[in-house]
PDB file of N, CA and C in Angstrom:
ATOM      1  N   UNK A   1      21.943   7.063  -4.394  1.00  0.00           N
ATOM      2  CA  UNK A   1      21.263   7.011  -5.680  1.00  0.00           C
ATOM      3  C   UNK A   1      19.797   6.690  -5.452  1.00  0.00           C
ATOM      4  N   UNK A   2      18.971   7.278  -6.293  1.00  0.00           N
ATOM      5  CA  UNK A   2      17.530   7.064  -6.210  1.00  0.00           C
ATOM      6  C   UNK A   2      17.190   5.723  -6.855  1.00  0.00           C
ATOM      7  N   UNK A   3      16.286   4.945  -6.240  1.00  0.00           N
ATOM      8  CA  UNK A   3      15.920   3.651  -6.842  1.00  0.00           C
ATOM      9  C   UNK A   3      15.198   3.862  -8.180  1.00  0.00           C
ATOM     10  N   UNK A   4      15.381   2.902  -9.064  1.00  0.00           N
ATOM     11  CA  UNK A   4      14.728   2.967 -10.378  1.00  0.00           C
ATOM     12  C   UNK A   4      13.223   2.870 -10.193  1.00  0.00           C
ATOM     13  N   UNK A   5      12.491   3.681 -10.944  1.00  0.00           N
ATOM     14  CA  UNK A   5      11.028   3.643 -10.888  1.00  0.00           C
ATOM     15  C   UNK A   5      10.531   2.627 -11.908  1.00  0.00           C
ATOM     16  N   UNK A   6       9.409   1.983 -11.622  1.00  0.00           N
ATOM     17  CA  UNK A   6       8.873   0.996 -12.561  1.00  0.00           C
ATOM     18  C   UNK A   6       8.416   1.655 -13.859  1.00  0.00           C
ATOM     19  N   UNK A   7       8.463   0.896 -14.923  1.00  0.00           N
ATOM     20  CA  UNK A   7       8.006   1.380 -16.218  1.00  0.00           C
ATOM     21  C   UNK A   7       6.838   0.539 -16.688  1.00  0.00           C
ATOM     22  N   UNK A   8       6.150   0.993 -17.723  1.00  0.00           N
ATOM     23  CA  UNK A   8       5.024   0.249 -18.270  1.00  0.00           C
ATOM     24  C   UNK A   8       5.585  -0.917 -19.065  1.00  0.00           C
ATOM     25  N   UNK A   9       5.462  -2.096 -18.545  1.00  0.00           N
ATOM     26  CA  UNK A   9       6.016  -3.300 -19.156  1.00  0.00           C
ATOM     27  C   UNK A   9       5.009  -4.434 -19.035  1.00  0.00           C
ATOM     28  N   UNK A  10       5.094  -5.372 -19.919  1.00  0.00           N
ATOM     29  CA  UNK A  10       4.248  -6.559 -19.853  1.00  0.00           C
ATOM     30  C   UNK A  10       4.724  -7.496 -18.757  1.00  0.00           C
ATOM     31  N   UNK A  11       3.938  -8.518 -18.472  1.00  0.00           N
ATOM     32  CA  UNK A  11       4.281  -9.477 -17.428  1.00  0.00           C
ATOM     33  C   UNK A  11       5.574 -10.196 -17.775  1.00  0.00           C
ATOM     34  N   UNK A  12       6.471 -10.293 -16.792  1.00  0.00           N
ATOM     35  CA  UNK A  12       7.699 -11.045 -16.952  1.00  0.00           C
ATOM     36  C   UNK A  12       8.795 -10.310 -17.683  1.00  0.00           C
ATOM     37  N   UNK A  13       8.652  -9.034 -17.974  1.00  0.00           N
ATOM     38  CA  UNK A  13       9.692  -8.322 -18.705  1.00  0.00           C
ATOM     39  C   UNK A  13      10.701  -7.716 -17.748  1.00  0.00           C
ATOM     40  N   UNK A  14      11.916  -7.569 -18.227  1.00  0.00           N
ATOM     41  CA  UNK A  14      12.968  -6.983 -17.410  1.00  0.00           C
ATOM     42  C   UNK A  14      12.972  -5.477 -17.580  1.00  0.00           C
ATOM     43  N   UNK A  15      13.292  -4.777 -16.521  1.00  0.00           N
ATOM     44  CA  UNK A  15      13.386  -3.321 -16.570  1.00  0.00           C
ATOM     45  C   UNK A  15      14.762  -2.963 -17.135  1.00  0.00           C
ATOM     46  N   UNK A  16      14.828  -2.134 -18.196  1.00  0.00           N
ATOM     47  CA  UNK A  16      16.116  -1.813 -18.805  1.00  0.00           C
ATOM     48  C   UNK A  16      17.037  -1.047 -17.861  1.00  0.00           C
ATOM     49  N   UNK A  17      16.515  -0.412 -16.827  1.00  0.00           N
ATOM     50  CA  UNK A  17      17.346   0.332 -15.885  1.00  0.00           C
ATOM     51  C   UNK A  17      17.926  -0.596 -14.815  1.00  0.00           C
ATOM     52  N   UNK A  18      17.731  -1.885 -14.970  1.00  0.00           N
ATOM     53  CA  UNK A  18      18.286  -2.832 -14.017  1.00  0.00           C
ATOM     54  C   UNK A  18      17.373  -3.118 -12.838  1.00  0.00           C
ATOM     55  N   UNK A  19      16.131  -2.693 -12.926  1.00  0.00           N
ATOM     56  CA  UNK A  19      15.176  -2.935 -11.845  1.00  0.00           C
ATOM     57  C   UNK A  19      14.718  -4.377 -11.827  1.00  0.00           C
ATOM     58  N   UNK A  20      13.885  -4.687 -10.891  1.00  0.00           N
ATOM     59  CA  UNK A  20      13.373  -6.043 -10.751  1.00  0.00           C
ATOM     60  C   UNK A  20      12.456  -6.399 -11.912  1.00  0.00           C
ATOM     61  N   UNK A  21      12.348  -7.683 -12.162  1.00  0.00           N
ATOM     62  CA  UNK A  21      11.444  -8.151 -13.205  1.00  0.00           C
ATOM     63  C   UNK A  21      10.014  -8.054 -12.691  1.00  0.00           C
ATOM     64  N   UNK A  22       9.108  -7.703 -13.593  1.00  0.00           N
ATOM     65  CA  UNK A  22       7.692  -7.653 -13.241  1.00  0.00           C
ATOM     66  C   UNK A  22       7.092  -9.011 -13.531  1.00  0.00           C
ATOM     67  N   UNK A  23       6.291  -9.490 -12.623  1.00  0.00           N
ATOM     68  CA  UNK A  23       5.660 -10.789 -12.779  1.00  0.00           C
ATOM     69  C   UNK A  23       4.197 -10.617 -13.153  1.00  0.00           C
ATOM     70  N   UNK A  24       3.618 -11.648 -13.742  1.00  0.00           N
ATOM     71  CA  UNK A  24       2.190 -11.620 -14.074  1.00  0.00           C
ATOM     72  C   UNK A  24       1.412 -11.339 -12.794  1.00  0.00           C
ATOM     73  N   UNK A  25       0.420 -10.462 -12.898  1.00  0.00           N
ATOM     74  CA  UNK A  25      -0.394 -10.123 -11.744  1.00  0.00           C
ATOM     75  C   UNK A  25       0.109  -8.915 -10.981  1.00  0.00           C
ATOM     76  N   UNK A  26       1.301  -8.388 -11.343  1.00  0.00           N
ATOM     77  CA  UNK A  26       1.824  -7.196 -10.673  1.00  0.00           C
ATOM     78  C   UNK A  26       1.023  -5.956 -11.042  1.00  0.00           C
ATOM     79  N   UNK A  27       0.259  -6.008 -12.123  1.00  0.00           N
ATOM     80  CA  UNK A  27      -0.439  -4.830 -12.602  1.00  0.00           C
ATOM     81  C   UNK A  27       0.485  -4.006 -13.484  1.00  0.00           C
ATOM     82  N   UNK A  28      -0.073  -3.007 -14.106  1.00  0.00           N
ATOM     83  CA  UNK A  28       0.734  -2.155 -14.970  1.00  0.00           C
ATOM     84  C   UNK A  28       1.206  -0.952 -14.179  1.00  0.00           C
ATOM     85  N   UNK A  29       2.462  -0.639 -14.320  1.00  0.00           N
ATOM     86  CA  UNK A  29       3.035   0.526 -13.656  1.00  0.00           C
ATOM     87  C   UNK A  29       3.436   1.522 -14.739  1.00  0.00           C
ATOM     88  N   UNK A  30       3.026   2.768 -14.573  1.00  0.00           N
ATOM     89  CA  UNK A  30       3.373   3.798 -15.541  1.00  0.00           C
ATOM     90  C   UNK A  30       4.749   4.347 -15.267  1.00  0.00           C
ATOM     91  N   UNK A  31       5.493   4.648 -16.330  1.00  0.00           N
ATOM     92  CA  UNK A  31       6.745   5.318 -16.100  1.00  0.00           C
ATOM     93  C   UNK A  31       6.478   6.757 -15.697  1.00  0.00           C
ATOM     94  N   UNK A  32       7.413   7.368 -14.987  1.00  0.00           N
ATOM     95  CA  UNK A  32       7.188   8.692 -14.389  1.00  0.00           C
ATOM     96  C   UNK A  32       6.741   9.771 -15.371  1.00  0.00           C
ATOM     97  N   UNK A  33       7.180   9.708 -16.618  1.00  0.00           N
ATOM     98  CA  UNK A  33       6.789  10.765 -17.564  1.00  0.00           C
ATOM     99  C   UNK A  33       5.300  10.737 -17.886  1.00  0.00           C
ATOM    100  N   UNK A  34       4.605   9.653 -17.548  1.00  0.00           N
ATOM    101  CA  UNK A  34       3.163   9.564 -17.792  1.00  0.00           C
ATOM    102  C   UNK A  34       2.337   9.920 -16.564  1.00  0.00           C
ATOM    103  N   UNK A  35       2.965  10.056 -15.404  1.00  0.00           N
ATOM    104  CA  UNK A  35       2.215  10.309 -14.175  1.00  0.00           C
ATOM    105  C   UNK A  35       1.404  11.596 -14.242  1.00  0.00           C
ATOM    106  N   UNK A  36       2.013  12.699 -14.659  1.00  0.00           N
ATOM    107  CA  UNK A  36       1.295  13.978 -14.670  1.00  0.00           C
ATOM    108  C   UNK A  36       0.174  14.001 -15.705  1.00  0.00           C
ATOM    109  N   UNK A  37       0.385  13.557 -16.947  1.00  0.00           N
ATOM    110  CA  UNK A  37      -0.754  13.554 -17.882  1.00  0.00           C
ATOM    111  C   UNK A  37      -1.911  12.666 -17.423  1.00  0.00           C
ATOM    112  N   UNK A  38      -1.610  11.500 -16.889  1.00  0.00           N
ATOM    113  CA  UNK A  38      -2.663  10.608 -16.393  1.00  0.00           C
ATOM    114  C   UNK A  38      -3.364  11.251 -15.197  1.00  0.00           C
ATOM    115  N   UNK A  39      -2.602  11.904 -14.322  1.00  0.00           N
ATOM    116  CA  UNK A  39      -3.187  12.602 -13.186  1.00  0.00           C
ATOM    117  C   UNK A  39      -4.099  13.728 -13.655  1.00  0.00           C
ATOM    118  N   UNK A  40      -3.668  14.507 -14.634  1.00  0.00           N
ATOM    119  CA  UNK A  40      -4.478  15.628 -15.129  1.00  0.00           C
ATOM    120  C   UNK A  40      -5.803  15.129 -15.707  1.00  0.00           C
ATOM    121  N   UNK A  41      -5.761  14.069 -16.487  1.00  0.00           N
ATOM    122  CA  UNK A  41      -6.993  13.507 -17.059  1.00  0.00           C
ATOM    123  C   UNK A  41      -7.879  12.969 -15.935  1.00  0.00           C
ATOM    124  N   UNK A  42      -7.284  12.320 -14.948  1.00  0.00           N
ATOM    125  CA  UNK A  42      -8.057  11.788 -13.818  1.00  0.00           C
ATOM    126  C   UNK A  42      -8.730  12.910 -13.038  1.00  0.00           C
ATOM    127  N   UNK A  43      -8.007  14.005 -12.816  1.00  0.00           N
ATOM    128  CA  UNK A  43      -8.563  15.152 -12.096  1.00  0.00           C
ATOM    129  C   UNK A  43      -9.749  15.734 -12.871  1.00  0.00           C
ATOM    130  N   UNK A  44      -9.588  15.858 -14.176  1.00  0.00           N
ATOM    131  CA  UNK A  44     -10.689  16.385 -14.996  1.00  0.00           C
ATOM    132  C   UNK A  44     -11.900  15.457 -14.916  1.00  0.00           C
ATOM    133  N   UNK A  45     -11.682  14.154 -15.033  1.00  0.00           N
ATOM    134  CA  UNK A  45     -12.800  13.202 -14.996  1.00  0.00           C
ATOM    135  C   UNK A  45     -13.493  13.184 -13.638  1.00  0.00           C
ATOM    136  N   UNK A  46     -12.729  13.290 -12.553  1.00  0.00           N
ATOM    137  CA  UNK A  46     -13.319  13.323 -11.215  1.00  0.00           C
ATOM    138  C   UNK A  46     -14.222  14.544 -11.073  1.00  0.00           C
ATOM    139  N   UNK A  47     -13.868  15.642 -11.710  1.00  0.00           N
ATOM    140  CA  UNK A  47     -14.613  16.889 -11.561  1.00  0.00           C
ATOM    141  C   UNK A  47     -15.862  16.987 -12.431  1.00  0.00           C
ATOM    142  N   UNK A  48     -16.008  16.146 -13.433  1.00  0.00           N
ATOM    143  CA  UNK A  48     -17.176  16.231 -14.324  1.00  0.00           C
ATOM    144  C   UNK A  48     -18.491  16.088 -13.550  1.00  0.00           C
ATOM    145  N   UNK A  49     -18.666  15.057 -12.714  1.00  0.00           N
ATOM    146  CA  UNK A  49     -19.952  14.964 -12.003  1.00  0.00           C
ATOM    147  C   UNK A  49     -20.178  16.119 -11.024  1.00  0.00           C
ATOM    148  N   UNK A  50     -19.108  16.644 -10.441  1.00  0.00           N
ATOM    149  CA  UNK A  50     -19.253  17.771  -9.521  1.00  0.00           C
ATOM    150  C   UNK A  50     -19.645  19.033 -10.289  1.00  0.00           C
ATOM    151  N   UNK A  51     -19.102  19.219 -11.482  1.00  0.00           N
ATOM    152  CA  UNK A  51     -19.503  20.352 -12.318  1.00  0.00           C
ATOM    153  C   UNK A  51     -20.943  20.214 -12.774  1.00  0.00           C
ATOM    154  N   UNK A  52     -21.348  18.983 -13.070  1.00  0.00           N
ATOM    155  CA  UNK A  52     -22.731  18.709 -13.456  1.00  0.00           C
ATOM    156  C   UNK A  52     -23.676  19.116 -12.320  1.00  0.00           C
ATOM    157  N   UNK A  53     -23.334  18.697 -11.090  1.00  0.00           N
ATOM    158  CA  UNK A  53     -24.167  19.024  -9.923  1.00  0.00           C
ATOM    159  C   UNK A  53     -24.134  20.526  -9.641  1.00  0.00           C
ATOM    160  N   UNK A  54     -22.969  21.134  -9.739  1.00  0.00           N
ATOM    161  CA  UNK A  54     -22.820  22.557  -9.448  1.00  0.00           C
ATOM    162  C   UNK A  54     -23.678  23.418 -10.355  1.00  0.00           C
ATOM    163  N   UNK A  55     -23.784  23.012 -11.623  1.00  0.00           N
ATOM    164  CA  UNK A  55     -24.544  23.799 -12.599  1.00  0.00           C
ATOM    165  C   UNK A  55     -26.024  23.882 -12.250  1.00  0.00           C
ATOM    166  N   UNK A  56     -26.531  22.947 -11.464  1.00  0.00           N
ATOM    167  CA  UNK A  56     -27.941  22.961 -11.095  1.00  0.00           C
ATOM    168  C   UNK A  56     -28.216  23.664  -9.778  1.00  0.00           C
ATOM    169  N   UNK A  57     -27.191  24.271  -9.196  1.00  0.00           N
ATOM    170  CA  UNK A  57     -27.339  24.910  -7.886  1.00  0.00           C
ATOM    171  C   UNK A  57     -27.198  26.424  -8.007  1.00  0.00           C
ATOM    172  N   UNK A  58     -27.795  27.128  -7.048  1.00  0.00           N
ATOM    173  CA  UNK A  58     -27.678  28.581  -7.015  1.00  0.00           C
ATOM    174  C   UNK A  58     -26.217  28.943  -6.721  1.00  0.00           C
ATOM    175  N   UNK A  59     -25.679  29.881  -7.510  1.00  0.00           N
ATOM    176  CA  UNK A  59     -24.287  30.281  -7.362  1.00  0.00           C
ATOM    177  C   UNK A  59     -24.020  30.782  -5.945  1.00  0.00           C
ATOM    178  N   UNK A  60     -22.931  30.307  -5.355  1.00  0.00           N
ATOM    179  CA  UNK A  60     -22.451  30.651  -4.018  1.00  0.00           C
ATOM    180  C   UNK A  60     -23.337  30.119  -2.886  1.00  0.00           C
ATOM    181  N   UNK A  61     -24.263  29.217  -3.202  1.00  0.00           N
ATOM    182  CA  UNK A  61     -25.044  28.568  -2.146  1.00  0.00           C
ATOM    183  C   UNK A  61     -24.146  27.528  -1.465  1.00  0.00           C
ATOM    184  N   UNK A  62     -24.543  27.036  -0.282  1.00  0.00           N
ATOM    185  CA  UNK A  62     -23.716  26.008   0.379  1.00  0.00           C
ATOM    186  C   UNK A  62     -23.474  24.779  -0.504  1.00  0.00           C
ATOM    187  N   UNK A  63     -24.501  24.328  -1.206  1.00  0.00           N
ATOM    188  CA  UNK A  63     -24.332  23.177  -2.094  1.00  0.00           C
ATOM    189  C   UNK A  63     -23.365  23.462  -3.226  1.00  0.00           C
ATOM    190  N   UNK A  64     -23.403  24.673  -3.734  1.00  0.00           N
ATOM    191  CA  UNK A  64     -22.490  25.088  -4.809  1.00  0.00           C
ATOM    192  C   UNK A  64     -21.048  25.019  -4.315  1.00  0.00           C
ATOM    193  N   UNK A  65     -20.792  25.524  -3.090  1.00  0.00           N
ATOM    194  CA  UNK A  65     -19.446  25.473  -2.522  1.00  0.00           C
ATOM    195  C   UNK A  65     -18.990  24.036  -2.313  1.00  0.00           C
ATOM    196  N   UNK A  66     -19.895  23.174  -1.891  1.00  0.00           N
ATOM    197  CA  UNK A  66     -19.549  21.756  -1.715  1.00  0.00           C
ATOM    198  C   UNK A  66     -19.174  21.145  -3.066  1.00  0.00           C
ATOM    199  N   UNK A  67     -19.951  21.434  -4.104  1.00  0.00           N
ATOM    200  CA  UNK A  67     -19.670  20.874  -5.438  1.00  0.00           C
ATOM    201  C   UNK A  67     -18.328  21.349  -5.978  1.00  0.00           C
ATOM    202  N   UNK A  68     -17.935  22.550  -5.623  1.00  0.00           N
ATOM    203  CA  UNK A  68     -16.643  23.072  -6.084  1.00  0.00           C
ATOM    204  C   UNK A  68     -15.492  22.514  -5.254  1.00  0.00           C
ATOM    205  N   UNK A  69     -15.671  22.395  -3.930  1.00  0.00           N
ATOM    206  CA  UNK A  69     -14.560  22.046  -3.056  1.00  0.00           C
ATOM    207  C   UNK A  69     -14.467  20.570  -2.668  1.00  0.00           C
ATOM    208  N   UNK A  70     -15.533  19.814  -2.801  1.00  0.00           N
ATOM    209  CA  UNK A  70     -15.502  18.394  -2.414  1.00  0.00           C
ATOM    210  C   UNK A  70     -14.449  17.585  -3.176  1.00  0.00           C
ATOM    211  N   UNK A  71     -14.197  17.860  -4.465  1.00  0.00           N
ATOM    212  CA  UNK A  71     -13.193  17.051  -5.159  1.00  0.00           C
ATOM    213  C   UNK A  71     -11.750  17.350  -4.757  1.00  0.00           C
ATOM    214  N   UNK A  72     -11.497  18.415  -4.009  1.00  0.00           N
ATOM    215  CA  UNK A  72     -10.113  18.781  -3.674  1.00  0.00           C
ATOM    216  C   UNK A  72      -9.379  17.655  -2.935  1.00  0.00           C
ATOM    217  N   UNK A  73      -9.957  17.046  -1.870  1.00  0.00           N
ATOM    218  CA  UNK A  73      -9.237  15.934  -1.228  1.00  0.00           C
ATOM    219  C   UNK A  73      -8.999  14.754  -2.180  1.00  0.00           C
ATOM    220  N   UNK A  74      -9.929  14.524  -3.096  1.00  0.00           N
ATOM    221  CA  UNK A  74      -9.732  13.452  -4.087  1.00  0.00           C
ATOM    222  C   UNK A  74      -8.540  13.769  -4.995  1.00  0.00           C
ATOM    223  N   UNK A  75      -8.419  15.021  -5.388  1.00  0.00           N
ATOM    224  CA  UNK A  75      -7.306  15.441  -6.243  1.00  0.00           C
ATOM    225  C   UNK A  75      -5.982  15.270  -5.499  1.00  0.00           C
ATOM    226  N   UNK A  76      -5.951  15.667  -4.240  1.00  0.00           N
ATOM    227  CA  UNK A  76      -4.735  15.514  -3.439  1.00  0.00           C
ATOM    228  C   UNK A  76      -4.382  14.032  -3.302  1.00  0.00           C
ATOM    229  N   UNK A  77      -5.379  13.197  -3.033  1.00  0.00           N
ATOM    230  CA  UNK A  77      -5.140  11.754  -2.903  1.00  0.00           C
ATOM    231  C   UNK A  77      -4.621  11.170  -4.213  1.00  0.00           C
ATOM    232  N   UNK A  78      -5.200  11.582  -5.336  1.00  0.00           N
ATOM    233  CA  UNK A  78      -4.716  11.105  -6.642  1.00  0.00           C
ATOM    234  C   UNK A  78      -3.268  11.524  -6.883  1.00  0.00           C
ATOM    235  N   UNK A  79      -2.948  12.768  -6.534  1.00  0.00           N
ATOM    236  CA  UNK A  79      -1.580  13.265  -6.734  1.00  0.00           C
ATOM    237  C   UNK A  79      -0.596  12.471  -5.892  1.00  0.00           C
ATOM    238  N   UNK A  80      -0.941  12.238  -4.637  1.00  0.00           N
ATOM    239  CA  UNK A  80      -0.049  11.473  -3.762  1.00  0.00           C
ATOM    240  C   UNK A  80       0.080  10.029  -4.228  1.00  0.00           C
ATOM    241  N   UNK A  81      -1.032   9.419  -4.625  1.00  0.00           N
ATOM    242  CA  UNK A  81      -1.008   8.030  -5.094  1.00  0.00           C
ATOM    243  C   UNK A  81      -0.201   7.893  -6.379  1.00  0.00           C
ATOM    244  N   UNK A  82      -0.238   8.928  -7.214  1.00  0.00           N
ATOM    245  CA  UNK A  82       0.506   8.894  -8.473  1.00  0.00           C
ATOM    246  C   UNK A  82       1.967   9.240  -8.331  1.00  0.00           C
ATOM    247  N   UNK A  83       2.382   9.661  -7.140  1.00  0.00           N
ATOM    248  CA  UNK A  83       3.787   9.989  -6.923  1.00  0.00           C
ATOM    249  C   UNK A  83       4.224  11.269  -7.613  1.00  0.00           C
ATOM    250  N   UNK A  84       3.283  12.160  -7.881  1.00  0.00           N
ATOM    251  CA  UNK A  84       3.611  13.420  -8.548  1.00  0.00           C
ATOM    252  C   UNK A  84       3.995  14.441  -7.482  1.00  0.00           C
ATOM    253  N   UNK A  85       5.197  14.998  -7.599  1.00  0.00           N
ATOM    254  CA  UNK A  85       5.656  15.978  -6.622  1.00  0.00           C
ATOM    255  C   UNK A  85       4.956  17.312  -6.835  1.00  0.00           C
ATOM    256  N   UNK A  86       4.980  18.148  -5.823  1.00  0.00           N
ATOM    257  CA  UNK A  86       4.271  19.429  -5.865  1.00  0.00           C
ATOM    258  C   UNK A  86       5.215  20.512  -6.352  1.00  0.00           C
ATOM    259  N   UNK A  87       5.031  20.913  -7.608  1.00  0.00           N
ATOM    260  CA  UNK A  87       5.784  22.014  -8.209  1.00  0.00           C
ATOM    261  C   UNK A  87       4.779  22.995  -8.783  1.00  0.00           C
ATOM    262  N   UNK A  88       5.208  24.233  -9.033  1.00  0.00           N
ATOM    263  CA  UNK A  88       4.296  25.244  -9.562  1.00  0.00           C
ATOM    264  C   UNK A  88       3.688  24.812 -10.896  1.00  0.00           C
ATOM    265  N   UNK A  89       4.476  24.217 -11.764  1.00  0.00           N
ATOM    266  CA  UNK A  89       3.948  23.747 -13.041  1.00  0.00           C
ATOM    267  C   UNK A  89       2.855  22.708 -12.856  1.00  0.00           C
ATOM    268  N   UNK A  90       3.048  21.827 -11.889  1.00  0.00           N
ATOM    269  CA  UNK A  90       2.040  20.800 -11.573  1.00  0.00           C
ATOM    270  C   UNK A  90       0.771  21.484 -11.092  1.00  0.00           C
ATOM    271  N   UNK A  91       0.917  22.478 -10.229  1.00  0.00           N
ATOM    272  CA  UNK A  91      -0.227  23.207  -9.700  1.00  0.00           C
ATOM    273  C   UNK A  91      -1.044  23.817 -10.839  1.00  0.00           C
ATOM    274  N   UNK A  92      -0.382  24.481 -11.769  1.00  0.00           N
ATOM    275  CA  UNK A  92      -1.084  25.101 -12.897  1.00  0.00           C
ATOM    276  C   UNK A  92      -1.837  24.092 -13.745  1.00  0.00           C
ATOM    277  N   UNK A  93      -1.181  22.977 -14.049  1.00  0.00           N
ATOM    278  CA  UNK A  93      -1.810  21.939 -14.875  1.00  0.00           C
ATOM    279  C   UNK A  93      -3.032  21.357 -14.163  1.00  0.00           C
ATOM    280  N   UNK A  94      -2.918  21.110 -12.862  1.00  0.00           N
ATOM    281  CA  UNK A  94      -4.028  20.516 -12.123  1.00  0.00           C
ATOM    282  C   UNK A  94      -5.181  21.499 -11.936  1.00  0.00           C
ATOM    283  N   UNK A  95      -4.883  22.794 -11.795  1.00  0.00           N
ATOM    284  CA  UNK A  95      -5.953  23.792 -11.697  1.00  0.00           C
ATOM    285  C   UNK A  95      -6.738  23.838 -13.007  1.00  0.00           C
ATOM    286  N   UNK A  96      -6.025  23.820 -14.135  1.00  0.00           N
ATOM    287  CA  UNK A  96      -6.703  23.817 -15.438  1.00  0.00           C
ATOM    288  C   UNK A  96      -7.542  22.550 -15.592  1.00  0.00           C
ATOM    289  N   UNK A  97      -6.989  21.399 -15.203  1.00  0.00           N
ATOM    290  CA  UNK A  97      -7.738  20.135 -15.295  1.00  0.00           C
ATOM    291  C   UNK A  97      -8.958  20.156 -14.371  1.00  0.00           C
ATOM    292  N   UNK A  98      -8.790  20.706 -13.163  1.00  0.00           N
ATOM    293  CA  UNK A  98      -9.875  20.777 -12.187  1.00  0.00           C
ATOM    294  C   UNK A  98     -11.043  21.577 -12.751  1.00  0.00           C
ATOM    295  N   UNK A  99     -10.766  22.802 -13.168  1.00  0.00           N
ATOM    296  CA  UNK A  99     -11.843  23.657 -13.664  1.00  0.00           C
ATOM    297  C   UNK A  99     -12.318  23.240 -15.055  1.00  0.00           C
ATOM    298  N   UNK A 100     -11.452  22.594 -15.818  1.00  0.00           N
ATOM    299  CA  UNK A 100     -11.884  22.035 -17.102  1.00  0.00           C
ATOM    300  C   UNK A 100     -12.930  20.952 -16.898  1.00  0.00           C
ATOM    301  N   UNK A 101     -12.706  20.079 -15.911  1.00  0.00           N
ATOM    302  CA  UNK A 101     -13.684  19.040 -15.596  1.00  0.00           C
ATOM    303  C   UNK A 101     -14.984  19.629 -15.083  1.00  0.00           C
ATOM    304  N   UNK A 102     -14.878  20.663 -14.256  1.00  0.00           N
ATOM    305  CA  UNK A 102     -16.084  21.349 -13.767  1.00  0.00           C
ATOM    306  C   UNK A 102     -16.855  21.956 -14.949  1.00  0.00           C
ATOM    307  N   UNK A 103     -16.135  22.567 -15.867  1.00  0.00           N
ATOM    308  CA  UNK A 103     -16.769  23.199 -17.033  1.00  0.00           C
ATOM    309  C   UNK A 103     -17.453  22.152 -17.918  1.00  0.00           C
ATOM    310  N   UNK A 104     -16.769  21.026 -18.148  1.00  0.00           N
ATOM    311  CA  UNK A 104     -17.363  19.959 -18.973  1.00  0.00           C
ATOM    312  C   UNK A 104     -18.650  19.454 -18.324  1.00  0.00           C
ATOM    313  N   UNK A 105     -18.631  19.216 -17.015  1.00  0.00           N
ATOM    314  CA  UNK A 105     -19.835  18.750 -16.320  1.00  0.00           C
ATOM    315  C   UNK A 105     -20.979  19.745 -16.429  1.00  0.00           C
ATOM    316  N   UNK A 106     -20.678  21.038 -16.247  1.00  0.00           N
ATOM    317  CA  UNK A 106     -21.716  22.060 -16.348  1.00  0.00           C
ATOM    318  C   UNK A 106     -22.246  22.158 -17.770  1.00  0.00           C
ATOM    319  N   UNK A 107     -21.358  22.003 -18.759  1.00  0.00           N
ATOM    320  CA  UNK A 107     -21.766  22.064 -20.163  1.00  0.00           C
ATOM    321  C   UNK A 107     -22.681  20.887 -20.509  1.00  0.00           C
ATOM    322  N   UNK A 108     -22.346  19.707 -20.020  1.00  0.00           N
ATOM    323  CA  UNK A 108     -23.200  18.539 -20.260  1.00  0.00           C
ATOM    324  C   UNK A 108     -24.596  18.765 -19.674  1.00  0.00           C
ATOM    325  N   UNK A 109     -24.639  19.306 -18.448  1.00  0.00           N
ATOM    326  CA  UNK A 109     -25.946  19.580 -17.830  1.00  0.00           C
ATOM    327  C   UNK A 109     -26.737  20.586 -18.667  1.00  0.00           C
ATOM    328  N   UNK A 110     -26.077  21.644 -19.120  1.00  0.00           N
ATOM    329  CA  UNK A 110     -26.742  22.647 -19.935  1.00  0.00           C
ATOM    330  C   UNK A 110     -27.287  22.057 -21.224  1.00  0.00           C
ATOM    331  N   UNK A 111     -26.519  21.190 -21.858  1.00  0.00           N
ATOM    332  CA  UNK A 111     -26.987  20.565 -23.105  1.00  0.00           C
ATOM    333  C   UNK A 111     -28.175  19.641 -22.855  1.00  0.00           C
ATOM    334  N   UNK A 112     -28.138  18.894 -21.774  1.00  0.00           N
ATOM    335  CA  UNK A 112     -29.243  17.981 -21.453  1.00  0.00           C
ATOM    336  C   UNK A 112     -30.507  18.742 -21.074  1.00  0.00           C
ATOM    337  N   UNK A 113     -30.360  19.881 -20.414  1.00  0.00           N
ATOM    338  CA  UNK A 113     -31.532  20.651 -20.008  1.00  0.00           C
ATOM    339  C   UNK A 113     -32.189  21.350 -21.206  1.00  0.00           C
ATOM    340  N   UNK A 114     -31.439  21.608 -22.259  1.00  0.00           N
ATOM    341  CA  UNK A 114     -32.002  22.253 -23.447  1.00  0.00           C
ATOM    342  C   UNK A 114     -32.848  21.304 -24.268  1.00  0.00           C
ATOM    343  N   UNK A 115     -32.652  20.023 -24.081  1.00  0.00           N
ATOM    344  CA  UNK A 115     -33.395  19.048 -24.882  1.00  0.00           C
ATOM    345  C   UNK A 115     -34.820  18.910 -24.409  1.00  0.00           C
TER     346      UNK A 115
END
């Protein structure tokens, strides 16, 4: 049997699945159904500054490629740290979040440059 995963609980609360009690200072643990949405938002936020930088560079220049590809190891690290397994659906969601964050960063730069 697979061990019970921690859920989002306050300090000192018992896990309804029979898991260990969480003590004050343990930090908050998300239940598994929140891992992918939190990961997707994190991936988008990580990509905003890279999209901002990319928008100011010549397309396909070395710096442009760095701005597009530098966040990839961060995304992989976030996925592994969040315990999200690699499935095709996960891949699609993270690709949308990745390029969504890049787009938001580029849009912010464009708006600031127009002022």
